[in-house]
C-alpha cells in the first residue's frame, strides 16, 4: 500500500502530498490526463519519479486523489446548503441547482477536467460510489427534516434520497449533462426538480 493510502500525520509529508496533487491537477488540466505521466509531474516539481512513488503507487492513484479532492469540494458545497435555515424543499432545490451549475462550469467548460472525471466514471472507482453515498446521506437528512416539518409525506428518507438522486442524476452526471445540453426534447432543470420534489409530497 502506498503512503498516500494512509492518514498522513506528518505535516511535512502532508505538504509533499499536497504539492504533488496540486501539480498533477495543474498538468492534467493543461495537457489532459492521458498526456501527463508521473515523470512530467516529477520534472515540474524538480524531483525524481522515485520520490513521487514514495507517496503514490501509480498515476492512477494520483488521479484518484485529484478526483477525490474535486468530489470533496462538491460535498462541501452540498453540506453548506443542507445546513441553511430554510425549508427542506428549498434546500433540495438549491442542492440540485448547485450541482448542475458546478457540472456545467467546472466539468464541462474545462474539457481536460471533464476527461479526468470521465476516466474515473468509466473505471467505476470506489471513490465515486463513496461520494454518491455521502451525498445521499446528506439529502436523506434534509428529507427527514422535511418529513418532520410536514413538508413531505411520511416515508423512508434513505430510500427517498436515493430515488431523488436517481430522478435528478441527469443534471449532475457529466456525461448525461453533456449529451443533453444540445437536445430540445429533454426536461428543463426547473421542471425536473419540481417533479422530483412533488414526488416527496
N, C-alpha and C. Protein backbone atom coordinates (compact mmCIF):
# COMPACT_ATOMS: atom_id res chain seq x y z
N UNK A 1 0.85 -1.20 0.00
CA UNK A 1 0.00 0.00 0.00
C UNK A 1 0.88 1.24 0.00
N UNK A 2 0.53 2.25 -0.79
CA UNK A 2 1.33 3.46 -0.86
C UNK A 2 1.13 4.29 0.39
N UNK A 3 2.04 5.23 0.60
CA UNK A 3 1.94 6.08 1.76
C UNK A 3 0.71 6.96 1.70
N UNK A 4 0.27 7.32 0.49
CA UNK A 4 -0.91 8.18 0.35
C UNK A 4 -2.17 7.47 0.79
N UNK A 5 -2.15 6.15 0.84
CA UNK A 5 -3.33 5.39 1.24
C UNK A 5 -3.55 5.47 2.74
N UNK A 6 -2.52 5.87 3.48
CA UNK A 6 -2.62 6.00 4.92
C UNK A 6 -2.90 7.45 5.30
N UNK A 7 -3.34 7.64 6.53
CA UNK A 7 -3.55 9.00 7.02
C UNK A 7 -2.18 9.63 7.22
N UNK A 8 -1.97 10.76 6.61
CA UNK A 8 -0.67 11.40 6.70
C UNK A 8 -0.65 12.29 7.93
N UNK A 9 0.09 11.86 8.95
CA UNK A 9 0.13 12.61 10.20
C UNK A 9 1.24 13.64 10.21
N UNK A 10 2.33 13.37 9.52
CA UNK A 10 3.48 14.26 9.48
C UNK A 10 3.17 15.45 8.57
N UNK A 11 3.19 16.68 9.11
CA UNK A 11 2.88 17.86 8.28
C UNK A 11 3.77 17.99 7.05
N UNK A 12 5.04 17.64 7.19
CA UNK A 12 5.96 17.75 6.05
C UNK A 12 5.56 16.79 4.95
N UNK A 13 5.17 15.59 5.33
CA UNK A 13 4.75 14.61 4.32
C UNK A 13 3.41 15.01 3.72
N UNK A 14 2.53 15.57 4.53
CA UNK A 14 1.25 16.05 4.00
C UNK A 14 1.48 17.17 2.99
N UNK A 15 2.46 18.01 3.29
CA UNK A 15 2.78 19.10 2.38
C UNK A 15 3.26 18.55 1.03
N UNK A 16 4.06 17.48 1.06
CA UNK A 16 4.53 16.87 -0.18
C UNK A 16 3.37 16.28 -0.98
N UNK A 17 2.46 15.61 -0.29
CA UNK A 17 1.29 15.03 -0.96
C UNK A 17 0.48 16.13 -1.62
N UNK A 18 0.27 17.23 -0.89
CA UNK A 18 -0.50 18.35 -1.43
C UNK A 18 0.20 18.96 -2.64
N UNK A 19 1.52 19.12 -2.57
CA UNK A 19 2.27 19.68 -3.70
C UNK A 19 2.15 18.79 -4.93
N UNK A 20 2.24 17.48 -4.73
CA UNK A 20 2.14 16.54 -5.84
C UNK A 20 0.75 16.62 -6.47
N UNK A 21 -0.29 16.65 -5.63
CA UNK A 21 -1.65 16.71 -6.16
C UNK A 21 -1.94 18.03 -6.85
N UNK A 22 -1.44 19.13 -6.28
CA UNK A 22 -1.64 20.44 -6.91
C UNK A 22 -0.99 20.46 -8.29
N UNK A 23 0.23 19.94 -8.36
CA UNK A 23 0.96 19.92 -9.63
C UNK A 23 0.28 19.00 -10.63
N UNK A 24 -0.11 17.81 -10.17
CA UNK A 24 -0.77 16.85 -11.06
C UNK A 24 -2.06 17.43 -11.62
N UNK A 25 -2.85 18.06 -10.77
CA UNK A 25 -4.12 18.64 -11.24
C UNK A 25 -3.85 19.74 -12.26
N UNK A 26 -2.84 20.56 -12.00
CA UNK A 26 -2.49 21.63 -12.93
C UNK A 26 -2.10 21.07 -14.30
N UNK A 27 -1.28 20.00 -14.30
CA UNK A 27 -0.85 19.40 -15.56
C UNK A 27 -2.00 18.66 -16.24
N UNK A 28 -2.82 17.97 -15.46
CA UNK A 28 -3.98 17.28 -16.04
C UNK A 28 -4.90 18.29 -16.72
N UNK A 29 -5.09 19.45 -16.08
CA UNK A 29 -5.96 20.48 -16.65
C UNK A 29 -5.36 21.09 -17.92
N UNK A 30 -4.04 21.22 -17.94
CA UNK A 30 -3.38 21.88 -19.06
C UNK A 30 -3.18 20.94 -20.25
N UNK A 31 -2.64 19.74 -19.97
CA UNK A 31 -2.29 18.82 -21.06
C UNK A 31 -3.31 17.69 -21.24
N UNK A 32 -4.11 17.42 -20.20
CA UNK A 32 -5.02 16.29 -20.25
C UNK A 32 -4.44 15.12 -19.47
N UNK A 33 -5.34 14.30 -18.94
CA UNK A 33 -4.89 13.16 -18.13
C UNK A 33 -4.06 12.19 -18.96
N UNK A 34 -4.52 11.87 -20.17
CA UNK A 34 -3.84 10.89 -21.00
C UNK A 34 -2.44 11.29 -21.43
N UNK A 35 -2.20 12.60 -21.50
CA UNK A 35 -0.90 13.08 -22.00
C UNK A 35 0.06 13.45 -20.87
N UNK A 36 -0.34 13.22 -19.65
CA UNK A 36 0.52 13.54 -18.49
C UNK A 36 0.95 12.24 -17.82
N UNK A 37 2.23 12.12 -17.52
CA UNK A 37 2.71 10.94 -16.79
C UNK A 37 3.43 11.36 -15.52
N UNK A 38 3.82 10.38 -14.73
CA UNK A 38 4.46 10.65 -13.45
C UNK A 38 5.77 11.41 -13.64
N UNK A 39 6.50 11.09 -14.70
CA UNK A 39 7.76 11.79 -14.98
C UNK A 39 7.53 13.28 -15.21
N UNK A 40 6.41 13.63 -15.87
CA UNK A 40 6.08 15.03 -16.10
C UNK A 40 5.84 15.75 -14.78
N UNK A 41 5.11 15.09 -13.89
CA UNK A 41 4.80 15.68 -12.58
C UNK A 41 6.10 15.87 -11.79
N UNK A 42 6.96 14.84 -11.81
CA UNK A 42 8.22 14.92 -11.08
C UNK A 42 9.10 16.04 -11.61
N UNK A 43 9.17 16.14 -12.93
CA UNK A 43 10.00 17.18 -13.55
C UNK A 43 9.49 18.57 -13.18
N UNK A 44 8.19 18.74 -13.20
CA UNK A 44 7.59 20.03 -12.86
C UNK A 44 7.91 20.42 -11.41
N UNK A 45 8.00 19.43 -10.54
CA UNK A 45 8.27 19.68 -9.13
C UNK A 45 9.76 19.70 -8.80
N UNK A 46 10.59 19.36 -9.79
CA UNK A 46 12.02 19.33 -9.55
C UNK A 46 12.44 18.18 -8.67
N UNK A 47 11.77 17.06 -8.80
CA UNK A 47 12.12 15.87 -8.02
C UNK A 47 12.15 14.65 -8.93
N UNK A 48 12.58 13.53 -8.43
CA UNK A 48 12.66 12.32 -9.23
C UNK A 48 11.33 11.57 -9.19
N UNK A 49 11.03 10.78 -10.24
CA UNK A 49 9.81 9.96 -10.21
C UNK A 49 9.79 9.04 -9.00
N UNK A 50 10.97 8.56 -8.59
CA UNK A 50 11.03 7.66 -7.43
C UNK A 50 10.48 8.35 -6.19
N UNK A 51 10.70 9.65 -6.08
CA UNK A 51 10.20 10.38 -4.93
C UNK A 51 8.67 10.47 -4.97
N UNK A 52 8.11 10.62 -6.17
CA UNK A 52 6.65 10.63 -6.31
C UNK A 52 6.08 9.30 -5.83
N UNK A 53 6.77 8.21 -6.22
CA UNK A 53 6.28 6.87 -5.87
C UNK A 53 6.38 6.57 -4.38
N UNK A 54 7.07 7.41 -3.64
CA UNK A 54 7.07 7.26 -2.18
C UNK A 54 5.70 7.58 -1.60
N UNK A 55 4.94 8.38 -2.34
CA UNK A 55 3.64 8.84 -1.84
C UNK A 55 2.46 8.25 -2.60
N UNK A 56 2.66 7.94 -3.87
CA UNK A 56 1.59 7.37 -4.70
C UNK A 56 2.14 6.19 -5.48
N UNK A 57 1.41 5.11 -5.50
CA UNK A 57 1.87 3.89 -6.15
C UNK A 57 1.86 4.00 -7.66
N UNK A 58 1.03 4.90 -8.21
CA UNK A 58 0.90 4.98 -9.66
C UNK A 58 0.22 6.28 -10.06
N UNK A 59 0.22 6.54 -11.36
CA UNK A 59 -0.51 7.69 -11.89
C UNK A 59 -2.00 7.54 -11.62
N UNK A 60 -2.48 6.31 -11.69
CA UNK A 60 -3.90 6.06 -11.42
C UNK A 60 -4.26 6.52 -10.01
N UNK A 61 -3.40 6.22 -9.05
CA UNK A 61 -3.68 6.60 -7.67
C UNK A 61 -3.64 8.12 -7.49
N UNK A 62 -2.74 8.77 -8.21
CA UNK A 62 -2.70 10.24 -8.18
C UNK A 62 -4.01 10.80 -8.73
N UNK A 63 -4.45 10.22 -9.83
CA UNK A 63 -5.70 10.66 -10.46
C UNK A 63 -6.87 10.47 -9.52
N UNK A 64 -6.90 9.35 -8.83
CA UNK A 64 -7.97 9.09 -7.88
C UNK A 64 -7.99 10.15 -6.79
N UNK A 65 -6.81 10.51 -6.31
CA UNK A 65 -6.72 11.50 -5.23
C UNK A 65 -7.15 12.88 -5.73
N UNK A 66 -6.78 13.23 -6.97
CA UNK A 66 -7.20 14.51 -7.53
C UNK A 66 -8.72 14.55 -7.68
N UNK A 67 -9.29 13.48 -8.20
CA UNK A 67 -10.75 13.41 -8.35
C UNK A 67 -11.43 13.45 -6.99
N UNK A 68 -10.79 12.80 -6.00
CA UNK A 68 -11.33 12.80 -4.65
C UNK A 68 -11.43 14.22 -4.09
N UNK A 69 -10.42 15.03 -4.40
CA UNK A 69 -10.45 16.42 -3.92
C UNK A 69 -11.58 17.20 -4.61
N UNK A 70 -11.77 16.95 -5.90
CA UNK A 70 -12.84 17.64 -6.62
C UNK A 70 -14.21 17.24 -6.06
N UNK A 71 -14.37 15.96 -5.77
CA UNK A 71 -15.62 15.49 -5.20
C UNK A 71 -15.81 16.05 -3.79
N UNK A 72 -14.70 16.24 -3.09
CA UNK A 72 -14.77 16.83 -1.75
C UNK A 72 -15.32 18.24 -1.80
N UNK A 73 -14.94 19.00 -2.83
CA UNK A 73 -15.46 20.35 -2.99
C UNK A 73 -16.96 20.32 -3.26
N UNK A 74 -17.38 19.33 -4.04
CA UNK A 74 -18.80 19.17 -4.34
C UNK A 74 -19.57 18.84 -3.06
N UNK A 75 -19.00 17.96 -2.23
CA UNK A 75 -19.66 17.59 -0.98
C UNK A 75 -19.73 18.78 -0.03
N UNK A 76 -18.65 19.55 0.06
CA UNK A 76 -18.63 20.70 0.96
C UNK A 76 -19.73 21.69 0.59
N UNK A 77 -19.92 21.90 -0.71
CA UNK A 77 -20.97 22.79 -1.18
C UNK A 77 -22.35 22.25 -0.79
N UNK A 78 -22.55 20.95 -0.99
CA UNK A 78 -23.83 20.33 -0.65
C UNK A 78 -24.08 20.39 0.86
N UNK A 79 -23.02 20.19 1.65
CA UNK A 79 -23.16 20.23 3.11
C UNK A 79 -23.61 21.61 3.57
N UNK A 80 -23.01 22.65 3.02
CA UNK A 80 -23.39 24.01 3.39
C UNK A 80 -24.86 24.28 3.08
N UNK A 81 -25.29 23.82 1.92
CA UNK A 81 -26.69 24.01 1.53
C UNK A 81 -27.62 23.24 2.46
N UNK A 82 -27.21 22.04 2.84
CA UNK A 82 -28.07 21.20 3.70
C UNK A 82 -28.26 21.80 5.09
N UNK A 83 -27.39 22.72 5.48
CA UNK A 83 -27.46 23.33 6.81
C UNK A 83 -28.09 24.73 6.80
N UNK A 84 -28.54 25.18 5.66
CA UNK A 84 -29.14 26.50 5.58
C UNK A 84 -30.46 26.55 6.36
N UNK A 85 -30.78 27.67 7.02
CA UNK A 85 -32.02 27.78 7.80
C UNK A 85 -33.22 28.12 6.93
N UNK A 86 -33.47 27.26 5.95
CA UNK A 86 -34.60 27.44 5.04
C UNK A 86 -35.35 26.12 4.95
N UNK A 87 -36.45 26.09 4.23
CA UNK A 87 -37.25 24.87 4.14
C UNK A 87 -36.46 23.73 3.49
N UNK A 88 -36.86 22.52 3.80
CA UNK A 88 -36.22 21.34 3.20
C UNK A 88 -36.39 21.37 1.69
N UNK A 89 -37.57 21.76 1.23
CA UNK A 89 -37.82 21.82 -0.21
C UNK A 89 -36.84 22.76 -0.89
N UNK A 90 -36.63 23.93 -0.31
CA UNK A 90 -35.73 24.91 -0.91
C UNK A 90 -34.29 24.43 -0.86
N UNK A 91 -33.93 23.73 0.19
CA UNK A 91 -32.57 23.20 0.27
C UNK A 91 -32.33 22.15 -0.82
N UNK A 92 -33.30 21.29 -1.06
CA UNK A 92 -33.17 20.30 -2.13
C UNK A 92 -33.06 20.99 -3.49
N UNK A 93 -33.86 22.01 -3.66
CA UNK A 93 -33.86 22.75 -4.93
C UNK A 93 -32.48 23.40 -5.16
N UNK A 94 -31.96 24.03 -4.12
CA UNK A 94 -30.66 24.70 -4.24
C UNK A 94 -29.54 23.68 -4.44
N UNK A 95 -29.68 22.55 -3.78
CA UNK A 95 -28.66 21.49 -3.91
C UNK A 95 -28.53 21.04 -5.36
N UNK A 96 -29.63 20.73 -6.00
CA UNK A 96 -29.58 20.24 -7.38
C UNK A 96 -29.09 21.34 -8.31
N UNK A 97 -29.58 22.56 -8.12
CA UNK A 97 -29.14 23.68 -8.96
C UNK A 97 -27.62 23.88 -8.82
N UNK A 98 -27.12 23.78 -7.60
CA UNK A 98 -25.69 23.99 -7.36
C UNK A 98 -24.86 22.88 -8.02
N UNK A 99 -25.35 21.64 -7.93
CA UNK A 99 -24.64 20.53 -8.56
C UNK A 99 -24.64 20.68 -10.09
N UNK A 100 -25.76 21.11 -10.61
CA UNK A 100 -25.86 21.31 -12.06
C UNK A 100 -24.91 22.42 -12.51
N UNK A 101 -24.89 23.52 -11.76
CA UNK A 101 -24.02 24.65 -12.08
C UNK A 101 -22.55 24.23 -12.03
N UNK A 102 -22.19 23.46 -11.00
CA UNK A 102 -20.80 23.01 -10.88
C UNK A 102 -20.43 22.09 -12.04
N UNK A 103 -21.36 21.23 -12.44
CA UNK A 103 -21.09 20.33 -13.56
C UNK A 103 -20.86 21.12 -14.83
N UNK A 104 -21.67 22.13 -15.06
CA UNK A 104 -21.53 22.96 -16.26
C UNK A 104 -20.22 23.76 -16.25
N UNK A 105 -19.96 24.42 -15.14
CA UNK A 105 -18.83 25.35 -15.08
C UNK A 105 -17.48 24.66 -14.92
N UNK A 106 -17.42 23.65 -14.07
CA UNK A 106 -16.13 23.02 -13.77
C UNK A 106 -15.85 21.82 -14.66
N UNK A 107 -16.82 20.98 -14.84
CA UNK A 107 -16.57 19.71 -15.53
C UNK A 107 -16.74 19.79 -17.04
N UNK A 108 -17.58 20.68 -17.51
CA UNK A 108 -17.82 20.74 -18.96
C UNK A 108 -17.08 21.88 -19.63
N UNK A 109 -17.03 23.04 -18.98
CA UNK A 109 -16.32 24.17 -19.59
C UNK A 109 -14.84 23.87 -19.73
N UNK A 110 -14.29 23.12 -18.77
CA UNK A 110 -12.88 22.73 -18.83
C UNK A 110 -12.82 21.29 -19.32
N UNK A 111 -12.58 21.09 -20.61
CA UNK A 111 -12.61 19.76 -21.21
C UNK A 111 -11.58 18.81 -20.61
N UNK A 112 -10.43 19.36 -20.17
CA UNK A 112 -9.41 18.50 -19.58
C UNK A 112 -9.88 17.92 -18.25
N UNK A 113 -10.63 18.74 -17.49
CA UNK A 113 -11.20 18.25 -16.24
C UNK A 113 -12.27 17.22 -16.55
N UNK A 114 -13.06 17.50 -17.58
CA UNK A 114 -14.10 16.55 -17.99
C UNK A 114 -13.48 15.19 -18.31
N UNK A 115 -12.33 15.21 -18.98
CA UNK A 115 -11.64 13.96 -19.31
C UNK A 115 -11.28 13.19 -18.05
N UNK A 116 -10.79 13.88 -17.02
CA UNK A 116 -10.42 13.22 -15.77
C UNK A 116 -11.63 12.53 -15.14
N UNK A 117 -12.75 13.25 -15.13
CA UNK A 117 -13.95 12.70 -14.50
C UNK A 117 -14.49 11.51 -15.28
N UNK A 118 -14.48 11.60 -16.60
CA UNK A 118 -14.98 10.50 -17.43
C UNK A 118 -14.13 9.25 -17.22
N UNK A 119 -12.82 9.41 -17.14
CA UNK A 119 -11.94 8.25 -16.87
C UNK A 119 -12.32 7.63 -15.54
N UNK A 120 -12.56 8.47 -14.53
CA UNK A 120 -12.92 7.95 -13.21
C UNK A 120 -14.25 7.20 -13.26
N UNK A 121 -15.23 7.77 -13.97
CA UNK A 121 -16.54 7.13 -14.06
C UNK A 121 -16.46 5.80 -14.80
N UNK A 122 -15.67 5.77 -15.86
CA UNK A 122 -15.58 4.55 -16.66
C UNK A 122 -14.88 3.43 -15.90
N UNK A 123 -13.97 3.78 -15.01
CA UNK A 123 -13.27 2.75 -14.24
C UNK A 123 -14.04 2.36 -12.98
N UNK A 124 -15.13 3.08 -12.73
CA UNK A 124 -16.02 2.75 -11.61
C UNK A 124 -15.26 2.64 -10.30
N UNK A 125 -14.46 3.64 -10.01
CA UNK A 125 -13.67 3.62 -8.79
C UNK A 125 -14.53 3.77 -7.55
N UNK A 126 -14.07 3.18 -6.47
CA UNK A 126 -14.79 3.25 -5.21
C UNK A 126 -15.00 4.67 -4.73
N UNK A 127 -14.10 5.59 -5.10
CA UNK A 127 -14.22 6.97 -4.64
C UNK A 127 -15.51 7.59 -5.14
N UNK A 128 -15.97 7.20 -6.33
CA UNK A 128 -17.21 7.74 -6.87
C UNK A 128 -18.41 7.23 -6.06
N UNK A 129 -18.41 5.93 -5.79
CA UNK A 129 -19.50 5.33 -5.03
C UNK A 129 -19.59 5.92 -3.62
N UNK A 130 -18.44 6.12 -3.00
CA UNK A 130 -18.43 6.70 -1.65
C UNK A 130 -18.98 8.11 -1.67
N UNK A 131 -18.64 8.86 -2.70
CA UNK A 131 -19.15 10.23 -2.83
C UNK A 131 -20.67 10.22 -2.97
N UNK A 132 -21.18 9.34 -3.81
CA UNK A 132 -22.63 9.24 -4.01
C UNK A 132 -23.32 8.88 -2.70
N UNK A 133 -22.75 7.94 -1.96
CA UNK A 133 -23.33 7.56 -0.67
C UNK A 133 -23.37 8.74 0.30
N UNK A 134 -22.30 9.52 0.34
CA UNK A 134 -22.25 10.67 1.25
C UNK A 134 -23.29 11.72 0.85
N UNK A 135 -23.44 11.92 -0.44
CA UNK A 135 -24.44 12.90 -0.91
C UNK A 135 -25.85 12.42 -0.58
N UNK A 136 -26.09 11.13 -0.76
CA UNK A 136 -27.41 10.57 -0.42
C UNK A 136 -27.69 10.72 1.07
N UNK A 137 -26.67 10.52 1.89
CA UNK A 137 -26.85 10.67 3.34
C UNK A 137 -27.24 12.10 3.70
N UNK A 138 -26.59 13.07 3.05
CA UNK A 138 -26.94 14.47 3.30
C UNK A 138 -28.39 14.76 2.93
N UNK A 139 -28.79 14.31 1.74
CA UNK A 139 -30.14 14.57 1.27
C UNK A 139 -31.17 13.81 2.11
N UNK A 140 -30.81 12.64 2.59
CA UNK A 140 -31.72 11.88 3.44
C UNK A 140 -32.02 12.66 4.71
N UNK A 141 -31.01 13.32 5.25
CA UNK A 141 -31.22 14.13 6.46
C UNK A 141 -32.13 15.31 6.17
N UNK A 142 -31.94 15.94 5.03
CA UNK A 142 -32.81 17.07 4.64
C UNK A 142 -34.25 16.58 4.46
N UNK A 143 -34.41 15.44 3.81
CA UNK A 143 -35.74 14.89 3.60
C UNK A 143 -36.38 14.49 4.93
N UNK A 144 -35.59 13.93 5.83
CA UNK A 144 -36.09 13.56 7.15
C UNK A 144 -36.61 14.80 7.88
N UNK A 145 -35.88 15.89 7.79
CA UNK A 145 -36.32 17.13 8.43
C UNK A 145 -37.59 17.66 7.75
N UNK A 146 -37.67 17.47 6.43
CA UNK A 146 -38.86 17.89 5.71
C UNK A 146 -40.09 17.09 6.12
N UNK A 147 -39.89 15.81 6.40
CA UNK A 147 -40.99 14.95 6.86
C UNK A 147 -41.46 15.40 8.24
N UNK A 148 -40.48 15.67 9.11
CA UNK A 148 -40.82 16.10 10.47
C UNK A 148 -41.53 17.44 10.49
N UNK A 149 -41.19 18.29 9.51
CA UNK A 149 -41.81 19.62 9.44
C UNK A 149 -43.15 19.59 8.70
N UNK A 150 -43.54 18.43 8.17
CA UNK A 150 -44.81 18.32 7.47
C UNK A 150 -44.74 18.74 6.00
N UNK A 151 -43.54 19.00 5.49
CA UNK A 151 -43.40 19.39 4.08
C UNK A 151 -43.57 18.18 3.16
N UNK A 152 -43.07 17.04 3.61
CA UNK A 152 -43.12 15.82 2.81
C UNK A 152 -43.94 14.75 3.53
N UNK A 153 -44.50 13.83 2.77
CA UNK A 153 -45.27 12.74 3.37
C UNK A 153 -44.35 11.80 4.12
N UNK A 154 -44.90 11.00 5.00
CA UNK A 154 -44.10 10.05 5.76
C UNK A 154 -43.58 8.97 4.81
N UNK A 155 -42.30 8.69 4.90
CA UNK A 155 -41.64 7.72 4.02
C UNK A 155 -40.24 7.45 4.56
N UNK A 156 -39.58 6.47 4.01
CA UNK A 156 -38.21 6.17 4.40
C UNK A 156 -37.30 7.21 3.76
N UNK A 157 -36.66 8.07 4.55
CA UNK A 157 -35.84 9.14 3.97
C UNK A 157 -34.64 8.63 3.19
N UNK A 158 -34.11 7.48 3.56
CA UNK A 158 -32.95 6.92 2.86
C UNK A 158 -33.35 6.49 1.45
N UNK A 159 -34.47 5.75 1.36
CA UNK A 159 -34.98 5.33 0.05
C UNK A 159 -35.36 6.57 -0.77
N UNK A 160 -36.00 7.52 -0.11
CA UNK A 160 -36.43 8.74 -0.80
C UNK A 160 -35.24 9.51 -1.36
N UNK A 161 -34.14 9.58 -0.60
CA UNK A 161 -32.97 10.33 -1.07
C UNK A 161 -32.34 9.65 -2.27
N UNK A 162 -32.34 8.31 -2.27
CA UNK A 162 -31.78 7.58 -3.41
C UNK A 162 -32.65 7.78 -4.65
N UNK A 163 -33.95 7.77 -4.47
CA UNK A 163 -34.86 7.98 -5.60
C UNK A 163 -34.75 9.41 -6.11
N UNK A 164 -34.63 10.37 -5.18
CA UNK A 164 -34.48 11.77 -5.57
C UNK A 164 -33.19 11.94 -6.37
N UNK A 165 -32.13 11.29 -5.92
CA UNK A 165 -30.86 11.37 -6.63
C UNK A 165 -30.95 10.76 -8.02
N UNK A 166 -31.63 9.62 -8.11
CA UNK A 166 -31.78 8.96 -9.42
C UNK A 166 -32.61 9.80 -10.37
N UNK A 167 -33.63 10.48 -9.82
CA UNK A 167 -34.52 11.30 -10.66
C UNK A 167 -33.83 12.55 -11.19
N UNK A 168 -32.81 13.03 -10.47
CA UNK A 168 -32.13 14.27 -10.87
C UNK A 168 -30.70 14.04 -11.35
N UNK A 169 -30.30 12.79 -11.49
CA UNK A 169 -28.91 12.49 -11.87
C UNK A 169 -28.56 13.08 -13.23
N UNK A 170 -29.53 13.24 -14.10
CA UNK A 170 -29.28 13.80 -15.43
C UNK A 170 -28.75 15.23 -15.35
N UNK A 171 -28.94 15.89 -14.20
CA UNK A 171 -28.45 17.25 -14.01
C UNK A 171 -27.09 17.29 -13.31
N UNK A 172 -26.60 16.14 -12.87
CA UNK A 172 -25.36 16.10 -12.10
C UNK A 172 -24.28 15.21 -12.71
N UNK A 173 -24.68 14.28 -13.57
CA UNK A 173 -23.74 13.35 -14.18
C UNK A 173 -23.10 14.02 -15.40
N UNK A 174 -21.77 14.18 -15.42
CA UNK A 174 -21.11 14.91 -16.51
C UNK A 174 -21.47 14.44 -17.91
N UNK A 175 -21.48 13.12 -18.12
CA UNK A 175 -21.78 12.61 -19.45
C UNK A 175 -23.23 12.89 -19.85
N UNK A 176 -24.15 12.73 -18.90
CA UNK A 176 -25.56 12.98 -19.19
C UNK A 176 -25.81 14.45 -19.47
N UNK A 177 -25.19 15.31 -18.66
CA UNK A 177 -25.35 16.74 -18.87
C UNK A 177 -24.81 17.14 -20.24
N UNK A 178 -23.64 16.62 -20.58
CA UNK A 178 -23.02 16.95 -21.87
C UNK A 178 -23.88 16.51 -23.04
N UNK A 179 -24.48 15.32 -22.92
CA UNK A 179 -25.29 14.78 -24.01
C UNK A 179 -26.62 15.51 -24.17
N UNK A 180 -27.13 16.07 -23.07
CA UNK A 180 -28.46 16.68 -23.12
C UNK A 180 -28.46 18.18 -23.39
N UNK A 181 -27.29 18.82 -23.30
CA UNK A 181 -27.24 20.27 -23.46
C UNK A 181 -27.83 20.74 -24.79
N UNK A 182 -27.52 20.03 -25.85
CA UNK A 182 -27.96 20.46 -27.18
C UNK A 182 -29.31 19.87 -27.58
N UNK A 183 -29.93 19.10 -26.71
CA UNK A 183 -31.21 18.47 -27.02
C UNK A 183 -32.36 19.40 -26.66
N UNK A 184 -33.35 19.44 -27.53
CA UNK A 184 -34.53 20.27 -27.26
C UNK A 184 -35.70 19.45 -26.73
N UNK A 185 -35.55 18.12 -26.70
CA UNK A 185 -36.66 17.27 -26.25
C UNK A 185 -36.38 16.68 -24.88
N UNK A 186 -35.62 17.40 -24.04
CA UNK A 186 -35.30 16.96 -22.68
C UNK A 186 -35.98 17.88 -21.67
N UNK A 187 -36.28 17.36 -20.50
CA UNK A 187 -36.89 18.17 -19.44
C UNK A 187 -35.94 19.28 -19.02
N UNK A 188 -36.48 20.46 -18.76
CA UNK A 188 -35.69 21.57 -18.28
C UNK A 188 -35.35 21.35 -16.81
N UNK A 189 -34.20 21.86 -16.35
CA UNK A 189 -33.79 21.64 -14.96
C UNK A 189 -34.86 21.97 -13.92
N UNK A 190 -35.49 23.14 -14.02
CA UNK A 190 -36.51 23.51 -13.03
C UNK A 190 -37.71 22.57 -13.07
N UNK A 191 -38.11 22.15 -14.25
CA UNK A 191 -39.24 21.23 -14.37
C UNK A 191 -38.91 19.89 -13.73
N UNK A 192 -37.69 19.41 -13.96
CA UNK A 192 -37.28 18.12 -13.41
C UNK A 192 -37.19 18.18 -11.89
N UNK A 193 -36.63 19.27 -11.38
CA UNK A 193 -36.51 19.43 -9.92
C UNK A 193 -37.90 19.51 -9.29
N UNK A 194 -38.80 20.27 -9.89
CA UNK A 194 -40.17 20.38 -9.37
C UNK A 194 -40.84 19.01 -9.33
N UNK A 195 -40.65 18.25 -10.39
CA UNK A 195 -41.26 16.92 -10.50
C UNK A 195 -40.74 16.01 -9.39
N UNK A 196 -39.41 16.03 -9.16
CA UNK A 196 -38.80 15.18 -8.14
C UNK A 196 -39.28 15.58 -6.75
N UNK A 197 -39.41 16.87 -6.51
CA UNK A 197 -39.86 17.34 -5.19
C UNK A 197 -41.32 16.99 -4.95
N UNK A 198 -42.15 17.11 -6.00
CA UNK A 198 -43.57 16.75 -5.86
C UNK A 198 -43.72 15.28 -5.47
N UNK A 199 -42.82 14.45 -5.91
CA UNK A 199 -42.89 13.03 -5.58
C UNK A 199 -42.68 12.79 -4.09
N UNK A 200 -42.02 13.72 -3.41
CA UNK A 200 -41.79 13.58 -1.97
C UNK A 200 -42.99 14.01 -1.15
N UNK A 201 -43.91 14.75 -1.77
CA UNK A 201 -45.03 15.33 -1.01
C UNK A 201 -46.22 14.38 -0.92
